[in-house]
């Protein structure tokens, strides 16, 4: 065999062995990805699990050896470590989420529904959302005045339209009666 043929066969062997050796996902890869997400904003525990599992399950298309069950366990373990280090906190997430939605003019019912969809514990939601608070009434009044101004509703249809708007925003009916005249 000539020298060129030996180099070519060695090159071929290296490529073949690279194809046989499958890449694996390391716990540090998951931790770094989770910390990248948490650096942008707070995330709920389950939201982080969902995002990371979606991200890393796509890696199987690029030659990574992945078992779904072991990947989910690895992701879960890494997020628990972050939670124990207080880098991930559902409490901070809920507080931040509620404040953000309040600034958008959303009411407690809508905020509760959105947090439940994100699989946040109902106990945490109840702790941070106090639907009977005077704060909700003032927020509902601000949203109402911004949308409709000082004028009173002239007829039944207009009143219904205004009520529907506030219900869509997530304010309870008890509050609406005092706001919509």
Foldseek 3Di string as FASTA:
>chain_A
DDPVVVVVVVVVVVVVVVLVDFAEDDLVNLLVVLLVVLVVHAAALLRSLVVSLVVVVVCVVVRHDDDSVVVSVSNNVSVVVCVVVVSHDPLRVLLVQVVVLLVVLAALQVSLVVVVVSVDDVVSSCVNDDLVDVVRLVSLLVVLCVVPNDDAQDDDVSLVVSVVVNVVSPRDPVSSVVRHD
